[in-house]
N, C-alpha and C. Protein backbone atom coordinates (compact mmCIF):
# COMPACT_ATOMS: atom_id res chain seq x y z
N MET A 1 -10.61 48.31 23.40
CA MET A 1 -9.20 48.09 23.66
C MET A 1 -8.75 46.78 23.01
N LYS A 2 -7.67 46.84 22.33
CA LYS A 2 -7.12 45.67 21.64
C LYS A 2 -6.48 44.69 22.63
N GLU A 3 -6.53 43.43 22.27
CA GLU A 3 -5.85 42.40 23.04
C GLU A 3 -4.38 42.33 22.64
N TYR A 4 -3.53 42.12 23.62
CA TYR A 4 -2.10 41.98 23.36
C TYR A 4 -1.56 40.63 23.81
N GLU A 5 -2.41 39.86 24.46
CA GLU A 5 -2.04 38.51 24.87
C GLU A 5 -3.06 37.54 24.28
N PHE A 6 -2.54 36.45 23.74
CA PHE A 6 -3.39 35.43 23.14
C PHE A 6 -2.99 34.06 23.66
N GLN A 7 -3.97 33.19 23.84
CA GLN A 7 -3.71 31.80 24.14
C GLN A 7 -4.39 30.97 23.06
N GLY A 8 -3.69 29.95 22.62
CA GLY A 8 -4.26 29.09 21.59
C GLY A 8 -3.34 27.93 21.28
N ARG A 9 -3.74 27.18 20.28
CA ARG A 9 -2.93 26.05 19.82
C ARG A 9 -1.86 26.56 18.86
N ALA A 10 -0.67 26.03 19.03
CA ALA A 10 0.44 26.42 18.13
C ALA A 10 0.51 25.44 16.97
N TRP A 11 0.38 25.96 15.77
CA TRP A 11 0.58 25.16 14.56
C TRP A 11 2.02 25.38 14.12
N THR A 12 2.87 24.37 14.25
CA THR A 12 4.25 24.46 13.80
C THR A 12 4.28 23.95 12.36
N ILE A 13 4.55 24.84 11.43
CA ILE A 13 4.49 24.50 10.01
C ILE A 13 5.80 23.81 9.61
N THR A 14 5.81 22.49 9.80
CA THR A 14 7.00 21.69 9.56
C THR A 14 6.87 20.87 8.29
N GLU A 15 8.03 20.43 7.80
CA GLU A 15 8.05 19.53 6.65
C GLU A 15 7.50 18.18 7.11
N ASN A 16 6.83 17.47 6.22
CA ASN A 16 6.18 16.21 6.55
C ASN A 16 7.05 15.28 7.39
N GLY A 17 6.53 14.91 8.56
CA GLY A 17 7.18 13.93 9.39
C GLY A 17 8.50 14.34 10.02
N THR A 18 8.82 15.62 9.99
CA THR A 18 10.08 16.08 10.57
C THR A 18 9.80 17.19 11.57
N GLY A 19 10.81 17.58 12.29
CA GLY A 19 10.69 18.72 13.19
C GLY A 19 11.29 19.97 12.58
N THR A 20 11.41 19.98 11.26
CA THR A 20 12.03 21.09 10.56
C THR A 20 10.96 22.04 10.03
N LEU A 21 11.01 23.30 10.46
CA LEU A 21 10.07 24.30 9.94
C LEU A 21 10.32 24.49 8.44
N VAL A 22 9.25 24.59 7.68
CA VAL A 22 9.36 24.80 6.24
C VAL A 22 9.87 26.21 5.98
N PRO A 23 11.02 26.35 5.29
CA PRO A 23 11.51 27.69 4.96
C PRO A 23 10.86 28.19 3.66
N ASP A 24 10.89 29.48 3.47
CA ASP A 24 10.51 30.10 2.19
C ASP A 24 9.09 29.74 1.73
N VAL A 25 8.14 29.69 2.65
CA VAL A 25 6.75 29.46 2.25
C VAL A 25 6.29 30.72 1.55
N ASP A 26 5.98 30.60 0.26
CA ASP A 26 5.63 31.81 -0.50
C ASP A 26 4.13 32.06 -0.49
N THR A 27 3.75 33.22 -0.97
CA THR A 27 2.35 33.62 -0.91
C THR A 27 1.47 32.72 -1.78
N ASP A 28 2.03 32.08 -2.79
CA ASP A 28 1.24 31.16 -3.61
C ASP A 28 0.97 29.86 -2.85
N GLN A 29 1.85 29.47 -1.95
CA GLN A 29 1.60 28.30 -1.10
C GLN A 29 0.62 28.63 0.02
N ILE A 30 0.63 29.86 0.45
CA ILE A 30 -0.30 30.29 1.50
C ILE A 30 -1.70 30.46 0.92
N PHE A 31 -1.81 31.18 -0.20
CA PHE A 31 -3.10 31.43 -0.84
C PHE A 31 -2.87 31.40 -2.34
N HIS A 32 -3.21 30.28 -2.95
CA HIS A 32 -2.92 30.03 -4.37
C HIS A 32 -3.58 31.06 -5.28
N ASN A 33 -2.89 31.38 -6.36
CA ASN A 33 -3.40 32.38 -7.30
C ASN A 33 -4.71 31.96 -7.98
N ALA A 34 -5.06 30.68 -7.91
CA ALA A 34 -6.32 30.22 -8.49
C ALA A 34 -7.53 30.81 -7.76
N TYR A 35 -7.31 31.32 -6.55
CA TYR A 35 -8.41 31.84 -5.74
C TYR A 35 -8.41 33.37 -5.65
N LEU A 36 -7.60 34.02 -6.44
CA LEU A 36 -7.49 35.47 -6.34
C LEU A 36 -8.79 36.21 -6.70
N HIS A 37 -9.69 35.54 -7.37
CA HIS A 37 -10.97 36.16 -7.71
C HIS A 37 -11.87 36.33 -6.48
N ILE A 38 -11.53 35.67 -5.38
CA ILE A 38 -12.33 35.77 -4.15
C ILE A 38 -11.98 37.08 -3.44
N THR A 39 -12.98 37.90 -3.22
CA THR A 39 -12.76 39.19 -2.57
C THR A 39 -13.37 39.27 -1.18
N ASP A 40 -14.21 38.31 -0.82
CA ASP A 40 -14.83 38.27 0.49
C ASP A 40 -13.85 37.59 1.46
N ILE A 41 -13.32 38.37 2.40
CA ILE A 41 -12.31 37.84 3.34
C ILE A 41 -12.84 36.61 4.06
N ASP A 42 -14.11 36.59 4.43
CA ASP A 42 -14.66 35.46 5.16
C ASP A 42 -14.59 34.15 4.38
N LYS A 43 -14.50 34.23 3.06
CA LYS A 43 -14.42 33.03 2.22
C LYS A 43 -12.99 32.61 1.90
N MET A 44 -12.02 33.44 2.25
CA MET A 44 -10.62 33.15 1.92
C MET A 44 -10.01 32.06 2.79
N GLY A 45 -10.44 31.96 4.03
CA GLY A 45 -9.83 31.05 4.97
C GLY A 45 -9.77 29.60 4.51
N GLN A 46 -10.80 29.16 3.83
CA GLN A 46 -10.87 27.76 3.42
C GLN A 46 -9.76 27.35 2.45
N TYR A 47 -9.05 28.31 1.90
CA TYR A 47 -7.99 28.01 0.94
C TYR A 47 -6.58 28.20 1.52
N THR A 48 -6.49 28.49 2.82
CA THR A 48 -5.20 28.70 3.46
C THR A 48 -4.33 27.45 3.38
N PHE A 49 -3.11 27.60 2.90
CA PHE A 49 -2.12 26.52 2.72
C PHE A 49 -2.60 25.45 1.74
N ASP A 50 -3.57 25.77 0.92
CA ASP A 50 -4.11 24.81 -0.05
C ASP A 50 -3.06 24.35 -1.07
N ASN A 51 -1.97 25.08 -1.16
CA ASN A 51 -0.91 24.75 -2.11
C ASN A 51 0.41 24.44 -1.40
N LEU A 52 0.35 24.09 -0.11
CA LEU A 52 1.54 23.77 0.66
C LEU A 52 1.50 22.28 1.02
N GLU A 53 2.40 21.53 0.44
CA GLU A 53 2.43 20.08 0.64
C GLU A 53 2.46 19.73 2.12
N GLY A 54 1.56 18.83 2.51
CA GLY A 54 1.47 18.38 3.88
C GLY A 54 0.55 19.23 4.75
N TRP A 55 0.10 20.36 4.23
CA TRP A 55 -0.73 21.28 5.02
C TRP A 55 -2.04 21.65 4.34
N LYS A 56 -2.42 20.91 3.30
CA LYS A 56 -3.61 21.24 2.52
C LYS A 56 -4.90 21.15 3.33
N ASP A 57 -4.88 20.42 4.45
CA ASP A 57 -6.08 20.30 5.29
C ASP A 57 -6.07 21.27 6.48
N PHE A 58 -5.10 22.16 6.50
CA PHE A 58 -4.97 23.11 7.61
C PHE A 58 -6.27 23.87 7.87
N SER A 59 -6.89 24.37 6.82
CA SER A 59 -8.08 25.21 7.01
C SER A 59 -9.24 24.42 7.60
N LYS A 60 -9.28 23.13 7.40
CA LYS A 60 -10.35 22.30 7.96
C LYS A 60 -10.11 22.01 9.45
N LYS A 61 -8.85 22.07 9.87
CA LYS A 61 -8.49 21.75 11.25
C LYS A 61 -8.26 22.98 12.13
N ALA A 62 -7.98 24.10 11.51
CA ALA A 62 -7.71 25.33 12.26
C ALA A 62 -8.96 25.78 13.01
N GLU A 63 -8.71 26.41 14.16
CA GLU A 63 -9.80 26.94 14.98
C GLU A 63 -9.50 28.39 15.33
N PRO A 64 -10.55 29.18 15.54
CA PRO A 64 -10.30 30.55 15.98
C PRO A 64 -9.44 30.56 17.24
N GLY A 65 -8.47 31.46 17.27
CA GLY A 65 -7.55 31.56 18.40
C GLY A 65 -6.23 30.86 18.17
N ASP A 66 -6.12 30.09 17.09
CA ASP A 66 -4.87 29.39 16.81
C ASP A 66 -3.74 30.37 16.50
N ILE A 67 -2.52 29.86 16.68
CA ILE A 67 -1.30 30.64 16.47
C ILE A 67 -0.41 29.85 15.53
N VAL A 68 0.12 30.49 14.50
CA VAL A 68 0.97 29.82 13.52
C VAL A 68 2.43 30.15 13.81
N ILE A 69 3.27 29.10 13.81
CA ILE A 69 4.71 29.26 13.97
C ILE A 69 5.37 28.73 12.70
N ALA A 70 6.11 29.60 12.02
CA ALA A 70 6.64 29.27 10.70
C ALA A 70 8.15 29.49 10.64
N GLY A 71 8.75 29.02 9.57
CA GLY A 71 10.19 29.12 9.37
C GLY A 71 10.62 30.47 8.81
N SER A 72 11.80 30.47 8.23
CA SER A 72 12.37 31.70 7.70
C SER A 72 11.73 32.11 6.39
N ASN A 73 11.69 33.42 6.16
CA ASN A 73 11.20 34.01 4.92
C ASN A 73 9.74 33.64 4.64
N PHE A 74 8.93 33.59 5.69
CA PHE A 74 7.52 33.25 5.53
C PHE A 74 6.82 34.36 4.75
N GLY A 75 6.06 33.97 3.74
CA GLY A 75 5.34 34.94 2.92
C GLY A 75 6.17 35.54 1.80
N ALA A 76 7.23 34.83 1.40
CA ALA A 76 8.05 35.31 0.28
C ALA A 76 7.18 35.41 -0.97
N GLY A 77 7.58 36.24 -1.88
CA GLY A 77 6.87 36.29 -3.16
C GLY A 77 6.12 37.57 -3.39
N SER A 78 4.93 37.43 -3.89
CA SER A 78 4.16 38.56 -4.37
C SER A 78 3.57 39.39 -3.23
N SER A 79 2.90 40.44 -3.62
CA SER A 79 2.28 41.35 -2.65
C SER A 79 0.82 40.96 -2.39
N ARG A 80 0.54 39.71 -2.40
CA ARG A 80 -0.82 39.17 -2.28
C ARG A 80 -1.38 39.37 -0.87
N GLN A 81 -2.25 40.34 -0.70
CA GLN A 81 -2.86 40.62 0.60
C GLN A 81 -3.70 39.44 1.09
N GLN A 82 -4.23 38.65 0.17
CA GLN A 82 -5.04 37.50 0.54
C GLN A 82 -4.25 36.51 1.40
N ALA A 83 -2.93 36.49 1.25
CA ALA A 83 -2.08 35.58 2.03
C ALA A 83 -2.01 36.00 3.49
N VAL A 84 -2.39 37.21 3.79
CA VAL A 84 -2.54 37.67 5.18
C VAL A 84 -4.00 37.48 5.60
N ASP A 85 -4.91 37.91 4.76
CA ASP A 85 -6.33 37.91 5.11
C ASP A 85 -6.91 36.51 5.31
N CYS A 86 -6.35 35.50 4.66
CA CYS A 86 -6.88 34.14 4.82
C CYS A 86 -6.72 33.67 6.27
N PHE A 87 -5.65 34.08 6.94
CA PHE A 87 -5.47 33.72 8.34
C PHE A 87 -6.47 34.46 9.22
N ARG A 88 -6.70 35.71 8.90
CA ARG A 88 -7.70 36.50 9.63
C ARG A 88 -9.08 35.83 9.51
N ALA A 89 -9.40 35.33 8.32
CA ALA A 89 -10.69 34.68 8.09
C ALA A 89 -10.86 33.43 8.95
N LEU A 90 -9.76 32.73 9.22
CA LEU A 90 -9.83 31.52 10.05
C LEU A 90 -9.83 31.83 11.54
N GLY A 91 -9.55 33.08 11.90
CA GLY A 91 -9.48 33.45 13.30
C GLY A 91 -8.11 33.23 13.92
N VAL A 92 -7.09 32.99 13.08
CA VAL A 92 -5.72 32.89 13.59
C VAL A 92 -5.38 34.23 14.22
N LYS A 93 -4.80 34.19 15.42
CA LYS A 93 -4.56 35.42 16.17
C LYS A 93 -3.22 36.08 15.86
N VAL A 94 -2.20 35.28 15.57
CA VAL A 94 -0.87 35.83 15.33
C VAL A 94 -0.06 34.82 14.54
N ILE A 95 0.83 35.32 13.69
CA ILE A 95 1.80 34.46 13.01
C ILE A 95 3.17 34.83 13.55
N ILE A 96 3.89 33.80 13.95
CA ILE A 96 5.24 33.95 14.48
C ILE A 96 6.16 33.22 13.53
N ALA A 97 7.25 33.86 13.11
CA ALA A 97 8.17 33.21 12.17
C ALA A 97 9.60 33.61 12.47
N VAL A 98 10.53 32.81 11.95
CA VAL A 98 11.95 33.14 12.06
C VAL A 98 12.20 34.47 11.37
N SER A 99 11.58 34.64 10.20
CA SER A 99 11.62 35.90 9.46
C SER A 99 10.48 35.90 8.46
N PHE A 100 10.18 37.08 7.94
CA PHE A 100 9.09 37.24 6.98
C PHE A 100 9.62 37.82 5.68
N GLY A 101 8.97 37.46 4.58
CA GLY A 101 9.24 38.15 3.33
C GLY A 101 8.89 39.62 3.52
N ALA A 102 9.65 40.51 2.91
CA ALA A 102 9.50 41.96 3.16
C ALA A 102 8.09 42.47 2.84
N ILE A 103 7.54 42.08 1.71
CA ILE A 103 6.22 42.58 1.32
C ILE A 103 5.14 41.98 2.22
N TYR A 104 5.28 40.71 2.54
CA TYR A 104 4.31 40.07 3.44
C TYR A 104 4.30 40.78 4.80
N LYS A 105 5.48 41.03 5.31
CA LYS A 105 5.61 41.71 6.61
C LYS A 105 4.90 43.06 6.57
N ARG A 106 5.16 43.82 5.52
CA ARG A 106 4.55 45.14 5.39
C ARG A 106 3.03 45.03 5.26
N ASN A 107 2.55 44.07 4.46
CA ASN A 107 1.09 43.89 4.30
C ASN A 107 0.43 43.54 5.63
N ALA A 108 1.04 42.62 6.37
CA ALA A 108 0.46 42.22 7.66
C ALA A 108 0.41 43.40 8.62
N ILE A 109 1.53 44.08 8.78
CA ILE A 109 1.58 45.21 9.71
C ILE A 109 0.61 46.31 9.27
N ASN A 110 0.62 46.66 8.00
CA ASN A 110 -0.25 47.74 7.51
C ASN A 110 -1.73 47.43 7.66
N SER A 111 -2.08 46.14 7.64
CA SER A 111 -3.49 45.77 7.79
C SER A 111 -3.84 45.47 9.25
N GLY A 112 -2.90 45.70 10.16
CA GLY A 112 -3.16 45.50 11.58
C GLY A 112 -3.20 44.05 12.01
N PHE A 113 -2.59 43.15 11.23
CA PHE A 113 -2.56 41.73 11.61
C PHE A 113 -1.25 41.45 12.36
N PRO A 114 -1.33 40.87 13.55
CA PRO A 114 -0.13 40.67 14.36
C PRO A 114 0.82 39.61 13.81
N ILE A 115 2.08 40.00 13.67
CA ILE A 115 3.16 39.07 13.33
C ILE A 115 4.33 39.40 14.25
N LEU A 116 5.08 38.35 14.61
CA LEU A 116 6.24 38.53 15.47
C LEU A 116 7.39 37.67 14.97
N ILE A 117 8.60 38.12 15.23
CA ILE A 117 9.82 37.39 14.88
C ILE A 117 10.24 36.51 16.06
N PHE A 118 10.56 35.26 15.75
CA PHE A 118 11.06 34.29 16.74
C PHE A 118 12.31 33.65 16.13
N GLU A 119 13.44 34.29 16.35
CA GLU A 119 14.68 33.86 15.71
C GLU A 119 15.08 32.44 16.06
N ASP A 120 14.72 31.96 17.25
CA ASP A 120 15.08 30.61 17.67
C ASP A 120 14.01 29.57 17.38
N ALA A 121 13.02 29.91 16.60
CA ALA A 121 11.90 28.99 16.35
C ALA A 121 12.37 27.64 15.81
N GLU A 122 13.28 27.65 14.85
CA GLU A 122 13.73 26.38 14.25
C GLU A 122 14.35 25.48 15.31
N LYS A 123 15.20 26.04 16.15
CA LYS A 123 15.87 25.27 17.20
C LYS A 123 14.86 24.76 18.23
N MET A 124 13.90 25.58 18.60
CA MET A 124 12.93 25.19 19.62
C MET A 124 11.97 24.12 19.10
N VAL A 125 11.57 24.22 17.85
CA VAL A 125 10.68 23.22 17.27
C VAL A 125 11.44 21.91 17.03
N ALA A 126 12.64 22.00 16.47
CA ALA A 126 13.45 20.80 16.24
C ALA A 126 13.79 20.09 17.54
N GLY A 127 13.98 20.85 18.62
CA GLY A 127 14.29 20.28 19.92
C GLY A 127 13.07 19.90 20.74
N ASN A 128 11.90 19.93 20.10
CA ASN A 128 10.62 19.56 20.74
C ASN A 128 10.27 20.43 21.95
N LYS A 129 10.81 21.64 22.00
CA LYS A 129 10.43 22.58 23.06
C LYS A 129 9.04 23.14 22.80
N ILE A 130 8.68 23.17 21.51
CA ILE A 130 7.33 23.56 21.08
C ILE A 130 6.92 22.53 20.04
N GLN A 131 5.82 21.86 20.30
CA GLN A 131 5.33 20.85 19.38
C GLN A 131 4.00 21.29 18.78
N ASN A 132 3.71 20.70 17.63
CA ASN A 132 2.47 21.04 16.95
C ASN A 132 1.28 20.82 17.89
N LEU A 133 0.43 21.83 17.96
CA LEU A 133 -0.81 21.88 18.72
C LEU A 133 -0.62 22.00 20.23
N ASN A 134 0.62 22.29 20.69
CA ASN A 134 0.81 22.65 22.10
C ASN A 134 -0.03 23.89 22.39
N LYS A 135 -0.54 23.99 23.59
CA LYS A 135 -1.21 25.21 24.04
C LYS A 135 -0.13 26.22 24.40
N VAL A 136 -0.25 27.42 23.84
CA VAL A 136 0.75 28.46 24.09
C VAL A 136 0.08 29.78 24.41
N LYS A 137 0.87 30.67 24.98
CA LYS A 137 0.42 32.04 25.23
C LYS A 137 1.44 32.96 24.57
N VAL A 138 0.97 34.00 23.91
CA VAL A 138 1.83 34.97 23.24
C VAL A 138 1.50 36.35 23.77
N ASP A 139 2.54 37.11 24.10
CA ASP A 139 2.38 38.50 24.52
C ASP A 139 3.06 39.37 23.47
N LEU A 140 2.27 40.15 22.74
CA LEU A 140 2.78 40.97 21.65
C LEU A 140 3.70 42.09 22.14
N LEU A 141 3.41 42.66 23.30
CA LEU A 141 4.19 43.80 23.79
C LEU A 141 5.47 43.36 24.50
N LYS A 142 5.40 42.29 25.28
CA LYS A 142 6.59 41.77 25.95
C LYS A 142 7.50 41.03 24.98
N GLY A 143 6.90 40.51 23.89
CA GLY A 143 7.67 39.66 23.00
C GLY A 143 7.99 38.34 23.68
N GLU A 144 6.93 37.65 24.08
CA GLU A 144 7.12 36.41 24.82
C GLU A 144 6.15 35.34 24.34
N LEU A 145 6.67 34.14 24.22
CA LEU A 145 5.88 32.95 23.90
C LEU A 145 6.08 31.97 25.05
N VAL A 146 4.99 31.51 25.64
CA VAL A 146 5.07 30.55 26.73
C VAL A 146 4.37 29.28 26.30
N ASN A 147 5.06 28.15 26.40
CA ASN A 147 4.44 26.85 26.16
C ASN A 147 3.69 26.51 27.44
N LEU A 148 2.38 26.57 27.42
CA LEU A 148 1.58 26.36 28.61
C LEU A 148 1.62 24.92 29.09
N GLU A 149 2.05 24.02 28.23
CA GLU A 149 2.13 22.61 28.62
C GLU A 149 3.41 22.29 29.37
N THR A 150 4.46 23.08 29.13
CA THR A 150 5.74 22.83 29.82
C THR A 150 6.15 23.97 30.74
N GLY A 151 5.53 25.14 30.56
CA GLY A 151 5.89 26.31 31.34
C GLY A 151 7.10 27.05 30.81
N GLU A 152 7.73 26.53 29.76
CA GLU A 152 8.92 27.19 29.20
C GLU A 152 8.53 28.47 28.48
N SER A 153 9.40 29.47 28.61
CA SER A 153 9.18 30.79 28.02
C SER A 153 10.27 31.07 26.99
N PHE A 154 9.89 31.72 25.89
CA PHE A 154 10.81 32.02 24.80
C PHE A 154 10.67 33.48 24.40
N GLY A 155 11.79 34.10 24.07
CA GLY A 155 11.79 35.50 23.67
C GLY A 155 11.48 35.69 22.20
N LEU A 156 10.62 36.64 21.93
CA LEU A 156 10.27 37.05 20.56
C LEU A 156 10.64 38.52 20.43
N THR A 157 10.70 39.00 19.21
CA THR A 157 10.86 40.43 19.01
C THR A 157 9.50 41.08 19.24
N PRO A 158 9.36 41.94 20.25
CA PRO A 158 8.05 42.53 20.55
C PRO A 158 7.61 43.53 19.48
N PHE A 159 6.34 43.88 19.56
CA PHE A 159 5.80 44.92 18.69
C PHE A 159 6.67 46.17 18.77
N SER A 160 6.91 46.79 17.63
CA SER A 160 7.52 48.11 17.60
C SER A 160 6.42 49.14 17.88
N LYS A 161 6.81 50.36 18.13
CA LYS A 161 5.81 51.42 18.37
C LYS A 161 4.91 51.59 17.15
N VAL A 162 5.50 51.59 15.97
CA VAL A 162 4.71 51.75 14.74
C VAL A 162 3.74 50.58 14.58
N GLN A 163 4.22 49.37 14.79
CA GLN A 163 3.36 48.20 14.67
C GLN A 163 2.21 48.27 15.68
N LYS A 164 2.50 48.68 16.90
CA LYS A 164 1.48 48.81 17.94
C LYS A 164 0.45 49.88 17.54
N ASP A 165 0.92 51.02 17.05
CA ASP A 165 0.00 52.09 16.64
C ASP A 165 -0.94 51.64 15.53
N ILE A 166 -0.40 50.95 14.55
CA ILE A 166 -1.24 50.48 13.44
C ILE A 166 -2.22 49.42 13.93
N TYR A 167 -1.74 48.48 14.75
CA TYR A 167 -2.59 47.42 15.30
C TYR A 167 -3.76 48.04 16.09
N GLU A 168 -3.47 49.03 16.91
CA GLU A 168 -4.52 49.68 17.70
C GLU A 168 -5.54 50.40 16.81
N SER A 169 -5.11 50.86 15.65
CA SER A 169 -6.01 51.58 14.74
C SER A 169 -6.70 50.64 13.75
N ASP A 170 -6.39 49.36 13.81
CA ASP A 170 -6.93 48.31 12.93
C ASP A 170 -6.27 48.26 11.56
N THR A 171 -5.74 49.36 11.10
CA THR A 171 -5.09 49.41 9.80
C THR A 171 -4.33 50.72 9.67
N LEU A 172 -3.33 50.72 8.83
CA LEU A 172 -2.56 51.93 8.59
C LEU A 172 -3.46 53.08 8.11
N LEU A 173 -4.52 52.76 7.39
CA LEU A 173 -5.39 53.78 6.83
C LEU A 173 -6.16 54.56 7.90
N ASN A 174 -6.22 54.04 9.12
CA ASN A 174 -6.96 54.71 10.20
C ASN A 174 -6.08 55.58 11.08
N ILE A 175 -4.79 55.64 10.81
CA ILE A 175 -3.88 56.44 11.65
C ILE A 175 -3.95 57.90 11.26
């Protein structure tokens, strides 16, 4: 049985020294094209955000169970599946963003990797309602994010039926 609730540290992907979520993080910033020759998913994690200013050490600090909170249009750009798989390699449980690039969203869902929309993420991060490395809980089915340090709860767009079906099957290819 698949897990639908996760607890972990929230990585708020903000611009250096600000409370502003980085918008338009493209797949080349997530997983640079210099590493496309790597086909072993377990080796991809070490290059996550290697091309995103201020976040180049993310892969060294990330721990299994972590949760990423990102800005609008996360994963813009190419259809690079490695930009999804690198998070899986690190043990990141879910990516939450204001919005996702269309191809990135489809790749994540089709490969059974959990992503959720958090339309108010920018306001909550800027207002310090969620800070980098806060302990949080995410419920994929309820569409809920709880800051375990403050007890505050925030609404997310929950899994759709299709997203849930694919997630339960591990990948679209198993449906």
